C-alpha atoms as a PDB file:
ATOM      1  CA  MET A   1     -67.051-160.761 200.682  1.00  0.00           C
ATOM      2  CA  THR A   2     -64.344-161.538 198.113  1.00  0.00           C
ATOM      3  CA  ASP A   3     -65.092-164.323 195.626  1.00  0.00           C
ATOM      4  CA  LEU A   4     -62.614-167.118 196.316  1.00  0.00           C
ATOM      5  CA  SER A   5     -64.235-169.644 193.976  1.00  0.00           C
ATOM      6  CA  GLY A   6     -61.750-171.889 192.261  1.00  0.00           C
ATOM      7  CA  THR A   7     -59.602-172.141 195.401  1.00  0.00           C
ATOM      8  CA  ARG A   8     -58.588-175.788 195.757  1.00  0.00           C
ATOM      9  CA  PHE A   9     -55.903-178.162 196.941  1.00  0.00           C
ATOM     10  CA  ASN A  10     -53.604-178.834 194.009  1.00  0.00           C
ATOM     11  CA  TYR A  11     -50.170-179.644 195.420  1.00  0.00           C
ATOM     12  CA  VAL A  12     -48.426-181.519 198.215  1.00  0.00           C
ATOM     13  CA  GLU A  13     -44.750-181.041 199.022  1.00  0.00           C
ATOM     14  CA  LEU A  14     -42.866-183.854 200.704  1.00  0.00           C
ATOM     15  CA  SER A  15     -39.470-183.570 202.349  1.00  0.00           C
ATOM     16  CA  VAL A  16     -37.169-186.287 201.049  1.00  0.00           C
ATOM     17  CA  SER A  17     -33.609-187.249 201.885  1.00  0.00           C
ATOM     18  CA  GLU A  18     -32.677-188.007 198.280  1.00  0.00           C
ATOM     19  CA  THR A  19     -34.721-186.665 195.380  1.00  0.00           C
ATOM     20  CA  ALA A  20     -33.547-189.274 192.843  1.00  0.00           C
ATOM     21  CA  ARG A  21     -34.437-192.212 195.101  1.00  0.00           C
ATOM     22  CA  SER A  22     -37.863-190.806 196.001  1.00  0.00           C
ATOM     23  CA  ARG A  23     -38.584-189.886 192.415  1.00  0.00           C
ATOM     24  CA  ALA A  24     -37.723-193.451 191.309  1.00  0.00           C
ATOM     25  CA  PHE A  25     -40.073-194.853 193.940  1.00  0.00           C
ATOM     26  CA  TYR A  26     -43.071-192.776 192.833  1.00  0.00           C
ATOM     27  CA  GLU A  27     -42.322-193.375 189.159  1.00  0.00           C
ATOM     28  CA  GLU A  28     -42.196-197.140 189.679  1.00  0.00           C
ATOM     29  CA  ALA A  29     -45.051-197.421 192.177  1.00  0.00           C
ATOM     30  CA  PHE A  30     -47.544-195.128 190.435  1.00  0.00           C
ATOM     31  CA  GLY A  31     -46.169-194.426 186.955  1.00  0.00           C
ATOM     32  CA  TRP A  32     -45.893-190.689 187.654  1.00  0.00           C
ATOM     33  CA  ALA A  33     -43.583-188.532 185.525  1.00  0.00           C
ATOM     34  CA  PHE A  34     -41.416-185.903 187.239  1.00  0.00           C
ATOM     35  CA  ALA A  35     -39.525-182.829 186.089  1.00  0.00           C
ATOM     36  CA  ASP A  36     -36.480-181.436 187.909  1.00  0.00           C
ATOM     37  CA  TYR A  37     -36.611-177.863 189.189  1.00  0.00           C
ATOM     38  CA  GLY A  38     -33.091-177.508 190.536  1.00  0.00           C
ATOM     39  CA  PRO A  39     -30.675-179.961 192.157  1.00  0.00           C
ATOM     40  CA  GLY A  40     -32.921-180.925 195.078  1.00  0.00           C
ATOM     41  CA  TYR A  41     -36.460-180.527 193.779  1.00  0.00           C
ATOM     42  CA  SER A  42     -38.606-182.622 191.452  1.00  0.00           C
ATOM     43  CA  ALA A  43     -42.330-182.430 190.810  1.00  0.00           C
ATOM     44  CA  THR A  44     -45.125-183.914 188.791  1.00  0.00           C
ATOM     45  CA  ALA A  45     -46.945-181.532 186.461  1.00  0.00           C
ATOM     46  CA  THR A  46     -50.271-183.131 185.657  1.00  0.00           C
ATOM     47  CA  GLY A  47     -52.394-180.069 186.364  1.00  0.00           C
ATOM     48  CA  ASP A  48     -54.428-182.034 188.877  1.00  0.00           C
ATOM     49  CA  THR A  49     -53.054-182.506 192.405  1.00  0.00           C
ATOM     50  CA  ASP A  50     -49.295-182.616 191.912  1.00  0.00           C
ATOM     51  CA  LEU A  51     -46.478-183.832 194.138  1.00  0.00           C
ATOM     52  CA  GLY A  52     -43.247-181.987 194.905  1.00  0.00           C
ATOM     53  CA  LEU A  53     -40.190-183.769 196.313  1.00  0.00           C
ATOM     54  CA  ASP A  54     -37.968-181.358 198.251  1.00  0.00           C
ATOM     55  CA  ALA A  55     -34.542-182.467 199.478  1.00  0.00           C
ATOM     56  CA  SER A  56     -33.713-179.038 200.922  1.00  0.00           C
ATOM     57  CA  THR A  57     -35.853-179.291 204.046  1.00  0.00           C
ATOM     58  CA  LYS A  58     -36.920-181.726 206.734  1.00  0.00           C
ATOM     59  CA  ALA A  59     -40.388-180.270 207.247  1.00  0.00           C
ATOM     60  CA  PRO A  60     -43.650-182.212 207.543  1.00  0.00           C
ATOM     61  CA  PRO A  61     -45.723-182.614 204.357  1.00  0.00           C
ATOM     62  CA  LEU A  62     -47.051-179.293 203.069  1.00  0.00           C
ATOM     63  CA  PRO A  63     -50.497-179.259 201.447  1.00  0.00           C
ATOM     64  CA  VAL A  64     -50.730-176.382 198.983  1.00  0.00           C
ATOM     65  CA  ILE A  65     -53.948-174.628 197.963  1.00  0.00           C
ATOM     66  CA  GLU A  66     -54.209-172.857 194.607  1.00  0.00           C
ATOM     67  CA  SER A  67     -55.866-169.437 194.530  1.00  0.00           C
ATOM     68  CA  ARG A  68     -56.785-167.023 191.761  1.00  0.00           C
ATOM     69  CA  ASN A  69     -56.374-164.068 194.158  1.00  0.00           C
ATOM     70  CA  LEU A  70     -53.490-164.564 196.568  1.00  0.00           C
ATOM     71  CA  ALA A  71     -53.889-161.273 198.444  1.00  0.00           C
ATOM     72  CA  ALA A  72     -57.618-161.804 199.020  1.00  0.00           C
ATOM     73  CA  THR A  73     -57.026-165.375 200.158  1.00  0.00           C
ATOM     74  CA  ARG A  74     -54.334-164.177 202.580  1.00  0.00           C
ATOM     75  CA  THR A  75     -56.806-161.657 204.026  1.00  0.00           C
ATOM     76  CA  ALA A  76     -59.482-164.348 204.378  1.00  0.00           C
ATOM     77  CA  VAL A  77     -57.071-166.802 206.064  1.00  0.00           C
ATOM     78  CA  LEU A  78     -56.027-164.189 208.629  1.00  0.00           C
ATOM     79  CA  ALA A  79     -59.631-163.086 209.257  1.00  0.00           C
ATOM     80  CA  ALA A  80     -60.618-166.706 209.897  1.00  0.00           C
ATOM     81  CA  GLY A  81     -57.897-167.128 212.538  1.00  0.00           C
ATOM     82  CA  GLY A  82     -54.955-168.437 210.506  1.00  0.00           C
ATOM     83  CA  LYS A  83     -51.441-167.324 211.464  1.00  0.00           C
ATOM     84  CA  LEU A  84     -48.812-166.465 208.858  1.00  0.00           C
ATOM     85  CA  THR A  85     -45.587-168.419 209.111  1.00  0.00           C
ATOM     86  CA  ARG A  86     -44.174-166.936 205.888  1.00  0.00           C
ATOM     87  CA  ASP A  87     -45.657-163.931 204.121  1.00  0.00           C
ATOM     88  CA  ILE A  88     -46.119-163.700 200.356  1.00  0.00           C
ATOM     89  CA  TYR A  89     -42.956-164.485 198.395  1.00  0.00           C
ATOM     90  CA  GLY A  90     -42.192-165.249 194.783  1.00  0.00           C
ATOM     91  CA  PHE A  91     -40.678-168.348 193.227  1.00  0.00           C
ATOM     92  CA  PRO A  92     -40.375-169.553 189.624  1.00  0.00           C
ATOM     93  CA  GLY A  93     -43.913-169.748 188.280  1.00  0.00           C
ATOM     94  CA  GLY A  94     -45.796-167.916 190.990  1.00  0.00           C
ATOM     95  CA  SER A  95     -46.084-166.561 194.517  1.00  0.00           C
ATOM     96  CA  ARG A  96     -47.268-168.038 197.778  1.00  0.00           C
ATOM     97  CA  PHE A  97     -47.618-167.600 201.512  1.00  0.00           C
ATOM     98  CA  GLU A  98     -47.527-170.177 204.298  1.00  0.00           C
ATOM     99  CA  PHE A  99     -49.699-170.325 207.397  1.00  0.00           C
ATOM    100  CA  THR A 100     -51.001-172.490 210.211  1.00  0.00           C
ATOM    101  CA  ASP A 101     -54.668-173.109 210.821  1.00  0.00           C
ATOM    102  CA  PRO A 102     -56.180-172.825 214.339  1.00  0.00           C
ATOM    103  CA  ASP A 103     -55.121-176.431 215.057  1.00  0.00           C
ATOM    104  CA  GLY A 104     -51.504-175.804 214.072  1.00  0.00           C
ATOM    105  CA  ASN A 105     -51.616-177.568 210.689  1.00  0.00           C
ATOM    106  CA  ARG A 106     -49.089-176.094 208.257  1.00  0.00           C
ATOM    107  CA  LEU A 107     -50.390-175.176 204.768  1.00  0.00           C
ATOM    108  CA  ALA A 108     -49.528-172.884 201.873  1.00  0.00           C
ATOM    109  CA  VAL A 109     -51.526-170.943 199.301  1.00  0.00           C
ATOM    110  CA  TRP A 110     -50.098-170.160 195.875  1.00  0.00           C
ATOM    111  CA  GLN A 111     -51.060-168.235 192.761  1.00  0.00           C
ATOM    112  CA  GLN A 112     -49.606-168.934 189.355  1.00  0.00           C
ATOM    113  CA  ASP A 113     -47.936-166.012 187.530  1.00  0.00           C
END
């Protein structure tokens, strides 16, 4: 069995209608600092469990799991009965895949570059 220690939730992406408005809310309500990653995306970068605000989609919240071995985690997810909704793809800072669990919950797994 592949060692998947260190795999943990570390990110949640929320769909928002207006990044600036949502960012202002979370900054005021919780004192969180955000960085912009393009015109419609802002995120915290605490290194703990961070929050992404995505104005480009109207999807339900997306919990994201960090992995040290993306390919092995993908294999384990599929073997356990998960279904890929988006195979491994790259983005600035890393790669990830998206899947649903046996109950239809949508999640993602990412690995930092």
